[in-house]
PDB file of all heavy atoms in Angstrom:
ATOM      1  N   PRO A   1     222.522  55.980 -27.296  1.00  0.00           N
ATOM      2  CA  PRO A   1     221.306  55.955 -28.103  1.00  0.00           C
ATOM      3  C   PRO A   1     220.836  54.528 -28.326  1.00  0.00           C
ATOM      4  O   PRO A   1     221.629  53.608 -28.477  1.00  0.00           O
ATOM      5  CB  PRO A   1     221.739  56.617 -29.419  1.00  0.00           C
ATOM      6  CG  PRO A   1     222.979  57.388 -29.088  1.00  0.00           C
ATOM      7  CD  PRO A   1     223.647  56.626 -27.979  1.00  0.00           C
ATOM      8  N   VAL A   2     219.524  54.340 -28.325  1.00  0.00           N
ATOM      9  CA  VAL A   2     218.945  53.032 -28.567  1.00  0.00           C
ATOM     10  C   VAL A   2     218.311  53.021 -29.942  1.00  0.00           C
ATOM     11  O   VAL A   2     217.525  53.912 -30.278  1.00  0.00           O
ATOM     12  CB  VAL A   2     217.879  52.708 -27.503  1.00  0.00           C
ATOM     13  CG1 VAL A   2     217.245  51.352 -27.788  1.00  0.00           C
ATOM     14  CG2 VAL A   2     218.495  52.725 -26.123  1.00  0.00           C
ATOM     15  N   THR A   3     218.678  52.041 -30.750  1.00  0.00           N
ATOM     16  CA  THR A   3     218.099  51.930 -32.075  1.00  0.00           C
ATOM     17  C   THR A   3     216.653  51.502 -31.958  1.00  0.00           C
ATOM     18  O   THR A   3     216.339  50.528 -31.281  1.00  0.00           O
ATOM     19  CB  THR A   3     218.874  50.896 -32.907  1.00  0.00           C
ATOM     20  OG1 THR A   3     220.240  51.304 -32.953  1.00  0.00           O
ATOM     21  CG2 THR A   3     218.299  50.800 -34.318  1.00  0.00           C
ATOM     22  N   THR A   4     215.766  52.243 -32.597  1.00  0.00           N
ATOM     23  CA  THR A   4     214.343  51.956 -32.526  1.00  0.00           C
ATOM     24  C   THR A   4     213.905  51.142 -33.726  1.00  0.00           C
ATOM     25  O   THR A   4     214.121  51.544 -34.872  1.00  0.00           O
ATOM     26  CB  THR A   4     213.533  53.262 -32.468  1.00  0.00           C
ATOM     27  OG1 THR A   4     213.984  54.023 -31.352  1.00  0.00           O
ATOM     28  CG2 THR A   4     212.050  52.962 -32.323  1.00  0.00           C
ATOM     29  N   ALA A   5     213.311  50.002 -33.469  1.00  0.00           N
ATOM     30  CA  ALA A   5     212.825  49.152 -34.549  1.00  0.00           C
ATOM     31  C   ALA A   5     211.521  49.709 -35.085  1.00  0.00           C
ATOM     32  O   ALA A   5     210.845  50.510 -34.432  1.00  0.00           O
ATOM     33  CB  ALA A   5     212.614  47.736 -34.017  1.00  0.00           C
ATOM     34  N   PRO A   6     211.115  49.307 -36.287  1.00  0.00           N
ATOM     35  CA  PRO A   6     209.815  49.739 -36.810  1.00  0.00           C
ATOM     36  C   PRO A   6     208.709  49.328 -35.856  1.00  0.00           C
ATOM     37  O   PRO A   6     208.807  48.320 -35.159  1.00  0.00           O
ATOM     38  CB  PRO A   6     209.702  48.964 -38.142  1.00  0.00           C
ATOM     39  CG  PRO A   6     211.102  48.623 -38.502  1.00  0.00           C
ATOM     40  CD  PRO A   6     211.831  48.437 -37.219  1.00  0.00           C
ATOM     41  N   PRO A   7     207.640  50.109 -35.777  1.00  0.00           N
ATOM     42  CA  PRO A   7     206.550  49.778 -34.848  1.00  0.00           C
ATOM     43  C   PRO A   7     206.017  48.378 -35.098  1.00  0.00           C
ATOM     44  O   PRO A   7     205.782  47.976 -36.236  1.00  0.00           O
ATOM     45  CB  PRO A   7     205.490  50.842 -35.156  1.00  0.00           C
ATOM     46  CG  PRO A   7     206.229  51.954 -35.826  1.00  0.00           C
ATOM     47  CD  PRO A   7     207.363  51.316 -36.550  1.00  0.00           C
ATOM     48  N   ALA A   8     205.842  47.622 -34.017  1.00  0.00           N
ATOM     49  CA  ALA A   8     205.291  46.264 -34.122  1.00  0.00           C
ATOM     50  C   ALA A   8     203.774  46.349 -34.125  1.00  0.00           C
ATOM     51  O   ALA A   8     203.193  47.338 -33.687  1.00  0.00           O
ATOM     52  CB  ALA A   8     205.774  45.422 -32.943  1.00  0.00           C
ATOM     53  N   PRO A   9     203.115  45.323 -34.615  1.00  0.00           N
ATOM     54  CA  PRO A   9     201.659  45.309 -34.546  1.00  0.00           C
ATOM     55  C   PRO A   9     201.193  45.425 -33.098  1.00  0.00           C
ATOM     56  O   PRO A   9     201.882  45.009 -32.174  1.00  0.00           O
ATOM     57  CB  PRO A   9     201.294  43.924 -35.128  1.00  0.00           C
ATOM     58  CG  PRO A   9     202.484  43.528 -35.942  1.00  0.00           C
ATOM     59  CD  PRO A   9     203.670  44.133 -35.270  1.00  0.00           C
ATOM     60  N   ALA A  10     200.045  46.028 -32.907  1.00  0.00           N
ATOM     61  CA  ALA A  10     199.521  46.231 -31.559  1.00  0.00           C
ATOM     62  C   ALA A  10     199.389  44.902 -30.827  1.00  0.00           C
ATOM     63  O   ALA A  10     198.890  43.932 -31.369  1.00  0.00           O
ATOM     64  CB  ALA A  10     198.169  46.922 -31.635  1.00  0.00           C
ATOM     65  N   ASP A  11     199.891  44.866 -29.600  1.00  0.00           N
ATOM     66  CA  ASP A  11     199.817  43.681 -28.756  1.00  0.00           C
ATOM     67  C   ASP A  11     198.693  43.882 -27.747  1.00  0.00           C
ATOM     68  O   ASP A  11     198.785  44.758 -26.877  1.00  0.00           O
ATOM     69  CB  ASP A  11     201.158  43.496 -28.041  1.00  0.00           C
ATOM     70  CG  ASP A  11     201.152  42.320 -27.071  1.00  0.00           C
ATOM     71  OD1 ASP A  11     200.107  41.650 -26.933  1.00  0.00           O
ATOM     72  OD2 ASP A  11     202.197  42.082 -26.439  1.00  0.00           O
ATOM     73  N   PRO A  12     197.621  43.091 -27.832  1.00  0.00           N
ATOM     74  CA  PRO A  12     196.490  43.308 -26.913  1.00  0.00           C
ATOM     75  C   PRO A  12     196.886  43.234 -25.445  1.00  0.00           C
ATOM     76  O   PRO A  12     196.376  43.995 -24.620  1.00  0.00           O
ATOM     77  CB  PRO A  12     195.515  42.184 -27.293  1.00  0.00           C
ATOM     78  CG  PRO A  12     195.863  41.848 -28.707  1.00  0.00           C
ATOM     79  CD  PRO A  12     197.340  42.039 -28.819  1.00  0.00           C
ATOM     80  N   GLU A  13     197.798  42.306 -25.112  1.00  0.00           N
ATOM     81  CA  GLU A  13     198.211  42.194 -23.713  1.00  0.00           C
ATOM     82  C   GLU A  13     198.970  43.437 -23.269  1.00  0.00           C
ATOM     83  O   GLU A  13     198.777  43.928 -22.152  1.00  0.00           O
ATOM     84  CB  GLU A  13     199.073  40.940 -23.516  1.00  0.00           C
ATOM     85  CG  GLU A  13     198.282  39.648 -23.512  1.00  0.00           C
ATOM     86  CD  GLU A  13     197.279  39.599 -22.376  1.00  0.00           C
ATOM     87  OE1 GLU A  13     197.682  39.778 -21.210  1.00  0.00           O
ATOM     88  OE2 GLU A  13     196.086  39.423 -22.658  1.00  0.00           O
ATOM     89  N   ALA A  14     199.834  43.965 -24.139  1.00  0.00           N
ATOM     90  CA  ALA A  14     200.566  45.182 -23.801  1.00  0.00           C
ATOM     91  C   ALA A  14     199.606  46.359 -23.648  1.00  0.00           C
ATOM     92  O   ALA A  14     199.744  47.185 -22.752  1.00  0.00           O
ATOM     93  CB  ALA A  14     201.608  45.484 -24.866  1.00  0.00           C
ATOM     94  N   GLN A  15     198.619  46.427 -24.537  1.00  0.00           N
ATOM     95  CA  GLN A  15     197.633  47.503 -24.432  1.00  0.00           C
ATOM     96  C   GLN A  15     196.852  47.399 -23.122  1.00  0.00           C
ATOM     97  O   GLN A  15     196.551  48.416 -22.490  1.00  0.00           O
ATOM     98  CB  GLN A  15     196.684  47.442 -25.635  1.00  0.00           C
ATOM     99  CG  GLN A  15     197.353  47.828 -26.945  1.00  0.00           C
ATOM    100  CD  GLN A  15     196.412  47.686 -28.129  1.00  0.00           C
ATOM    101  OE1 GLN A  15     195.422  46.959 -28.073  1.00  0.00           O
ATOM    102  NE2 GLN A  15     196.713  48.375 -29.208  1.00  0.00           N
ATOM    103  N   PHE A  16     196.546  46.174 -22.727  1.00  0.00           N
ATOM    104  CA  PHE A  16     195.839  45.958 -21.464  1.00  0.00           C
ATOM    105  C   PHE A  16     196.672  46.451 -20.289  1.00  0.00           C
ATOM    106  O   PHE A  16     196.191  47.184 -19.410  1.00  0.00           O
ATOM    107  CB  PHE A  16     195.510  44.472 -21.322  1.00  0.00           C
ATOM    108  CG  PHE A  16     194.897  44.091 -20.005  1.00  0.00           C
ATOM    109  CD1 PHE A  16     193.707  44.653 -19.585  1.00  0.00           C
ATOM    110  CD2 PHE A  16     195.512  43.160 -19.175  1.00  0.00           C
ATOM    111  CE1 PHE A  16     193.133  44.299 -18.367  1.00  0.00           C
ATOM    112  CE2 PHE A  16     194.947  42.806 -17.963  1.00  0.00           C
ATOM    113  CZ  PHE A  16     193.758  43.369 -17.561  1.00  0.00           C
ATOM    114  N   ARG A  17     197.944  46.077 -20.265  1.00  0.00           N
ATOM    115  CA  ARG A  17     198.807  46.491 -19.156  1.00  0.00           C
ATOM    116  C   ARG A  17     198.972  48.011 -19.129  1.00  0.00           C
ATOM    117  O   ARG A  17     199.004  48.625 -18.061  1.00  0.00           O
ATOM    118  CB  ARG A  17     200.155  45.779 -19.250  1.00  0.00           C
ATOM    119  CG  ARG A  17     200.081  44.295 -18.910  1.00  0.00           C
ATOM    120  CD  ARG A  17     201.456  43.669 -18.807  1.00  0.00           C
ATOM    121  NE  ARG A  17     202.105  43.525 -20.085  1.00  0.00           N
ATOM    122  CZ  ARG A  17     202.069  42.419 -20.823  1.00  0.00           C
ATOM    123  NH1 ARG A  17     201.396  41.369 -20.395  1.00  0.00           N
ATOM    124  NH2 ARG A  17     202.711  42.352 -21.965  1.00  0.00           N
ATOM    125  N   GLU A  18     199.084  48.626 -20.300  1.00  0.00           N
ATOM    126  CA  GLU A  18     199.224  50.080 -20.338  1.00  0.00           C
ATOM    127  C   GLU A  18     197.943  50.764 -19.857  1.00  0.00           C
ATOM    128  O   GLU A  18     197.991  51.811 -19.194  1.00  0.00           O
ATOM    129  CB  GLU A  18     199.573  50.518 -21.755  1.00  0.00           C
ATOM    130  CG  GLU A  18     201.010  50.177 -22.139  1.00  0.00           C
ATOM    131  CD  GLU A  18     201.316  50.454 -23.601  1.00  0.00           C
ATOM    132  OE1 GLU A  18     200.358  50.643 -24.384  1.00  0.00           O
ATOM    133  OE2 GLU A  18     202.505  50.502 -23.951  1.00  0.00           O
ATOM    134  N   SER A  19     196.803  50.190 -20.178  1.00  0.00           N
ATOM    135  CA  SER A  19     195.538  50.735 -19.705  1.00  0.00           C
ATOM    136  C   SER A  19     195.458  50.682 -18.180  1.00  0.00           C
ATOM    137  O   SER A  19     195.033  51.640 -17.531  1.00  0.00           O
ATOM    138  CB  SER A  19     194.372  49.952 -20.331  1.00  0.00           C
ATOM    139  OG  SER A  19     193.127  50.482 -19.924  1.00  0.00           O
ATOM    140  N   LEU A  20     195.909  49.568 -17.599  1.00  0.00           N
ATOM    141  CA  LEU A  20     195.935  49.457 -16.139  1.00  0.00           C
ATOM    142  C   LEU A  20     196.889  50.483 -15.541  1.00  0.00           C
ATOM    143  O   LEU A  20     196.611  51.066 -14.487  1.00  0.00           O
ATOM    144  CB  LEU A  20     196.355  48.050 -15.743  1.00  0.00           C
ATOM    145  CG  LEU A  20     195.356  46.937 -16.056  1.00  0.00           C
ATOM    146  CD1 LEU A  20     195.973  45.589 -15.760  1.00  0.00           C
ATOM    147  CD2 LEU A  20     194.080  47.113 -15.252  1.00  0.00           C
ATOM    148  N   GLN A  21     198.001  50.694 -16.208  1.00  0.00           N
ATOM    149  CA  GLN A  21     198.967  51.660 -15.709  1.00  0.00           C
ATOM    150  C   GLN A  21     198.357  53.065 -15.694  1.00  0.00           C
ATOM    151  O   GLN A  21     198.523  53.819 -14.730  1.00  0.00           O
ATOM    152  CB  GLN A  21     200.222  51.620 -16.590  1.00  0.00           C
ATOM    153  CG  GLN A  21     201.466  52.211 -15.964  1.00  0.00           C
ATOM    154  CD  GLN A  21     202.672  52.011 -16.848  1.00  0.00           C
ATOM    155  OE1 GLN A  21     202.621  52.265 -18.053  1.00  0.00           O
ATOM    156  NE2 GLN A  21     203.766  51.539 -16.277  1.00  0.00           N
ATOM    157  N   ARG A  22     197.629  53.415 -16.748  1.00  0.00           N
ATOM    158  CA  ARG A  22     196.965  54.718 -16.800  1.00  0.00           C
ATOM    159  C   ARG A  22     195.933  54.842 -15.674  1.00  0.00           C
ATOM    160  O   ARG A  22     195.825  55.880 -15.017  1.00  0.00           O
ATOM    161  CB  ARG A  22     196.288  54.928 -18.157  1.00  0.00           C
ATOM    162  CG  ARG A  22     197.232  55.212 -19.300  1.00  0.00           C
ATOM    163  CD  ARG A  22     196.474  55.709 -20.515  1.00  0.00           C
ATOM    164  NE  ARG A  22     195.511  54.731 -21.025  1.00  0.00           N
ATOM    165  CZ  ARG A  22     195.813  53.789 -21.916  1.00  0.00           C
ATOM    166  NH1 ARG A  22     197.053  53.681 -22.368  1.00  0.00           N
ATOM    167  NH2 ARG A  22     194.890  52.953 -22.339  1.00  0.00           N
ATOM    168  N   ALA A  23     195.164  53.771 -15.472  1.00  0.00           N
ATOM    169  CA  ALA A  23     194.160  53.796 -14.412  1.00  0.00           C
ATOM    170  C   ALA A  23     194.816  53.959 -13.045  1.00  0.00           C
ATOM    171  O   ALA A  23     194.312  54.689 -12.183  1.00  0.00           O
ATOM    172  CB  ALA A  23     193.320  52.524 -14.461  1.00  0.00           C
ATOM    173  N   GLY A  24     195.943  53.284 -12.844  1.00  0.00           N
ATOM    174  CA  GLY A  24     196.647  53.399 -11.571  1.00  0.00           C
ATOM    175  C   GLY A  24     197.115  54.809 -11.305  1.00  0.00           C
ATOM    176  O   GLY A  24     196.957  55.334 -10.192  1.00  0.00           O
ATOM    177  N   ARG A  25     197.679  55.448 -12.322  1.00  0.00           N
ATOM    178  CA  ARG A  25     198.135  56.830 -12.137  1.00  0.00           C
ATOM    179  C   ARG A  25     196.956  57.759 -11.859  1.00  0.00           C
ATOM    180  O   ARG A  25     197.047  58.682 -11.050  1.00  0.00           O
ATOM    181  CB  ARG A  25     198.924  57.288 -13.368  1.00  0.00           C
ATOM    182  CG  ARG A  25     200.321  56.674 -13.452  1.00  0.00           C
ATOM    183  CD  ARG A  25     201.186  57.433 -14.436  1.00  0.00           C
ATOM    184  NE  ARG A  25     200.726  57.255 -15.801  1.00  0.00           N
ATOM    185  CZ  ARG A  25     201.182  56.329 -16.642  1.00  0.00           C
ATOM    186  NH1 ARG A  25     202.102  55.476 -16.230  1.00  0.00           N
ATOM    187  NH2 ARG A  25     200.735  56.261 -17.879  1.00  0.00           N
ATOM    188  N   ALA A  26     195.842  57.517 -12.554  1.00  0.00           N
ATOM    189  CA  ALA A  26     194.669  58.359 -12.344  1.00  0.00           C
ATOM    190  C   ALA A  26     194.156  58.221 -10.911  1.00  0.00           C
ATOM    191  O   ALA A  26     193.800  59.210 -10.260  1.00  0.00           O
ATOM    192  CB  ALA A  26     193.573  57.990 -13.341  1.00  0.00           C
ATOM    193  N   MET A  27     194.121  57.003 -10.378  1.00  0.00           N
ATOM    194  CA  MET A  27     193.629  56.802  -9.017  1.00  0.00           C
ATOM    195  C   MET A  27     194.570  57.411  -8.002  1.00  0.00           C
ATOM    196  O   MET A  27     194.144  57.976  -6.994  1.00  0.00           O
ATOM    197  CB  MET A  27     193.398  55.311  -8.774  1.00  0.00           C
ATOM    198  CG  MET A  27     192.219  54.766  -9.583  1.00  0.00           C
ATOM    199  SD  MET A  27     191.963  52.986  -9.416  1.00  0.00           S
ATOM    200  CE  MET A  27     191.056  52.924  -7.885  1.00  0.00           C
ATOM    201  N   GLU A  28     195.868  57.298  -8.243  1.00  0.00           N
ATOM    202  CA  GLU A  28     196.826  57.935  -7.341  1.00  0.00           C
ATOM    203  C   GLU A  28     196.611  59.440  -7.302  1.00  0.00           C
ATOM    204  O   GLU A  28     196.786  60.083  -6.262  1.00  0.00           O
ATOM    205  CB  GLU A  28     198.258  57.637  -7.808  1.00  0.00           C
ATOM    206  CG  GLU A  28     198.816  56.326  -7.324  1.00  0.00           C
ATOM    207  CD  GLU A  28     199.171  56.385  -5.852  1.00  0.00           C
ATOM    208  OE1 GLU A  28     200.142  57.059  -5.493  1.00  0.00           O
ATOM    209  OE2 GLU A  28     198.461  55.751  -5.069  1.00  0.00           O
ATOM    210  N   ALA A  29     196.233  60.021  -8.451  1.00  0.00           N
ATOM    211  CA  ALA A  29     196.042  61.468  -8.542  1.00  0.00           C
ATOM    212  C   ALA A  29     194.644  61.904  -8.121  1.00  0.00           C
ATOM    213  O   ALA A  29     194.323  63.098  -8.181  1.00  0.00           O
ATOM    214  CB  ALA A  29     196.311  61.918  -9.980  1.00  0.00           C
ATOM    215  N   GLY A  30     193.811  60.948  -7.704  1.00  0.00           N
ATOM    216  CA  GLY A  30     192.460  61.291  -7.304  1.00  0.00           C
ATOM    217  C   GLY A  30     191.515  61.525  -8.462  1.00  0.00           C
ATOM    218  O   GLY A  30     190.416  62.067  -8.277  1.00  0.00           O
ATOM    219  N   GLN A  31     191.908  61.108  -9.662  1.00  0.00           N
ATOM    220  CA  GLN A  31     191.073  61.307 -10.861  1.00  0.00           C
ATOM    221  C   GLN A  31     190.224  60.053 -11.064  1.00  0.00           C
ATOM    222  O   GLN A  31     190.433  59.251 -11.967  1.00  0.00           O
ATOM    223  CB  GLN A  31     191.963  61.586 -12.071  1.00  0.00           C
ATOM    224  CG  GLN A  31     192.785  62.860 -11.922  1.00  0.00           C
ATOM    225  CD  GLN A  31     193.890  62.982 -12.961  1.00  0.00           C
ATOM    226  OE1 GLN A  31     194.101  62.079 -13.781  1.00  0.00           O
ATOM    227  NE2 GLN A  31     194.594  64.090 -12.930  1.00  0.00           N
ATOM    228  N   PHE A  32     189.236  59.896 -10.203  1.00  0.00           N
ATOM    229  CA  PHE A  32     188.472  58.648 -10.167  1.00  0.00           C
ATOM    230  C   PHE A  32     187.554  58.477 -11.369  1.00  0.00           C
ATOM    231  O   PHE A  32     187.303  57.361 -11.793  1.00  0.00           O
ATOM    232  CB  PHE A  32     187.701  58.565  -8.847  1.00  0.00           C
ATOM    233  CG  PHE A  32     188.598  58.549  -7.645  1.00  0.00           C
ATOM    234  CD1 PHE A  32     188.690  59.660  -6.820  1.00  0.00           C
ATOM    235  CD2 PHE A  32     189.376  57.441  -7.360  1.00  0.00           C
ATOM    236  CE1 PHE A  32     189.534  59.646  -5.718  1.00  0.00           C
ATOM    237  CE2 PHE A  32     190.215  57.415  -6.263  1.00  0.00           C
ATOM    238  CZ  PHE A  32     190.296  58.527  -5.442  1.00  0.00           C
ATOM    239  N   ASP A  33     187.040  59.580 -11.916  1.00  0.00           N
ATOM    240  CA  ASP A  33     186.225  59.475 -13.136  1.00  0.00           C
ATOM    241  C   ASP A  33     187.032  58.853 -14.259  1.00  0.00           C
ATOM    242  O   ASP A  33     186.562  57.962 -14.968  1.00  0.00           O
ATOM    243  CB  ASP A  33     185.726  60.859 -13.566  1.00  0.00           C
ATOM    244  CG  ASP A  33     184.559  61.345 -12.716  1.00  0.00           C
ATOM    245  OD1 ASP A  33     183.729  60.511 -12.334  1.00  0.00           O
ATOM    246  OD2 ASP A  33     184.484  62.559 -12.453  1.00  0.00           O
ATOM    247  N   SER A  34     188.260  59.333 -14.421  1.00  0.00           N
ATOM    248  CA  SER A  34     189.123  58.829 -15.480  1.00  0.00           C
ATOM    249  C   SER A  34     189.469  57.362 -15.248  1.00  0.00           C
ATOM    250  O   SER A  34     189.443  56.544 -16.177  1.00  0.00           O
ATOM    251  CB  SER A  34     190.400  59.670 -15.552  1.00  0.00           C
ATOM    252  OG  SER A  34     191.298  59.143 -16.506  1.00  0.00           O
ATOM    253  N   ALA A  35     189.782  57.015 -13.990  1.00  0.00           N
ATOM    254  CA  ALA A  35     190.137  55.630 -13.680  1.00  0.00           C
ATOM    255  C   ALA A  35     188.951  54.703 -13.921  1.00  0.00           C
ATOM    256  O   ALA A  35     189.108  53.603 -14.485  1.00  0.00           O
ATOM    257  CB  ALA A  35     190.603  55.527 -12.229  1.00  0.00           C
ATOM    258  N   LEU A  36     187.759  55.131 -13.519  1.00  0.00           N
ATOM    259  CA  LEU A  36     186.585  54.294 -13.719  1.00  0.00           C
ATOM    260  C   LEU A  36     186.284  54.114 -15.203  1.00  0.00           C
ATOM    261  O   LEU A  36     185.920  53.011 -15.642  1.00  0.00           O
ATOM    262  CB  LEU A  36     185.383  54.900 -13.006  1.00  0.00           C
ATOM    263  CG  LEU A  36     184.082  54.095 -13.104  1.00  0.00           C
ATOM    264  CD1 LEU A  36     184.260  52.685 -12.540  1.00  0.00           C
ATOM    265  CD2 LEU A  36     182.954  54.806 -12.376  1.00  0.00           C
ATOM    266  N   ALA A  37     186.452  55.174 -15.974  1.00  0.00           N
ATOM    267  CA  ALA A  37     186.229  55.056 -17.420  1.00  0.00           C
ATOM    268  C   ALA A  37     187.196  54.047 -18.037  1.00  0.00           C
ATOM    269  O   ALA A  37     186.829  53.265 -18.922  1.00  0.00           O
ATOM    270  CB  ALA A  37     186.389  56.421 -18.079  1.00  0.00           C
ATOM    271  N   GLU A  38     188.441  54.046 -17.549  1.00  0.00           N
ATOM    272  CA  GLU A  38     189.434  53.099 -18.062  1.00  0.00           C
ATOM    273  C   GLU A  38     189.027  51.671 -17.712  1.00  0.00           C
ATOM    274  O   GLU A  38     189.108  50.750 -18.535  1.00  0.00           O
ATOM    275  CB  GLU A  38     190.799  53.432 -17.463  1.00  0.00           C
ATOM    276  CG  GLU A  38     191.975  52.844 -18.206  1.00  0.00           C
ATOM    277  CD  GLU A  38     192.295  53.599 -19.484  1.00  0.00           C
ATOM    278  OE1 GLU A  38     192.554  54.806 -19.445  1.00  0.00           O
ATOM    279  OE2 GLU A  38     192.305  52.923 -20.547  1.00  0.00           O
ATOM    280  N   MET A  39     188.575  51.462 -16.483  1.00  0.00           N
ATOM    281  CA  MET A  39     188.150  50.132 -16.072  1.00  0.00           C
ATOM    282  C   MET A  39     186.902  49.691 -16.826  1.00  0.00           C
ATOM    283  O   MET A  39     186.763  48.517 -17.193  1.00  0.00           O
ATOM    284  CB  MET A  39     187.884  50.105 -14.563  1.00  0.00           C
ATOM    285  CG  MET A  39     189.128  50.243 -13.714  1.00  0.00           C
ATOM    286  SD  MET A  39     190.292  48.894 -13.990  1.00  0.00           S
ATOM    287  CE  MET A  39     191.589  49.348 -12.863  1.00  0.00           C
ATOM    288  N   GLN A  40     185.993  50.629 -17.070  1.00  0.00           N
ATOM    289  CA  GLN A  40     184.793  50.285 -17.825  1.00  0.00           C
ATOM    290  C   GLN A  40     185.142  49.856 -19.238  1.00  0.00           C
ATOM    291  O   GLN A  40     184.575  48.897 -19.783  1.00  0.00           O
ATOM    292  CB  GLN A  40     183.844  51.483 -17.866  1.00  0.00           C
ATOM    293  CG  GLN A  40     182.495  51.189 -18.517  1.00  0.00           C
ATOM    294  CD  GLN A  40     181.609  50.302 -17.674  1.00  0.00           C
ATOM    295  OE1 GLN A  40     181.244  50.661 -16.551  1.00  0.00           O
ATOM    296  NE2 GLN A  40     181.248  49.130 -18.194  1.00  0.00           N
ATOM    297  N   ARG A  41     186.129  50.552 -19.848  1.00  0.00           N
ATOM    298  CA  ARG A  41     186.577  50.165 -21.199  1.00  0.00           C
ATOM    299  C   ARG A  41     187.174  48.763 -21.195  1.00  0.00           C
ATOM    300  O   ARG A  41     186.942  47.968 -22.102  1.00  0.00           O
ATOM    301  CB  ARG A  41     187.592  51.177 -21.734  1.00  0.00           C
ATOM    302  CG  ARG A  41     186.977  52.451 -22.280  1.00  0.00           C
ATOM    303  CD  ARG A  41     187.963  53.257 -23.087  1.00  0.00           C
ATOM    304  NE  ARG A  41     189.015  53.821 -22.253  1.00  0.00           N
ATOM    305  CZ  ARG A  41     188.930  54.988 -21.641  1.00  0.00           C
ATOM    306  NH1 ARG A  41     187.834  55.729 -21.750  1.00  0.00           N
ATOM    307  NH2 ARG A  41     189.932  55.444 -20.918  1.00  0.00           N
TER     308      ARG A  41
END
């Protein structure tokens, strides 16, 4: 088991990387509307 620390304040760089990760999965799945919306955001 891994001890979970209290949630840290939102990290903009981490949020950016996670957004790219979501867009990548969407493009791999052929969900181009979703990927484009992520890039537009």
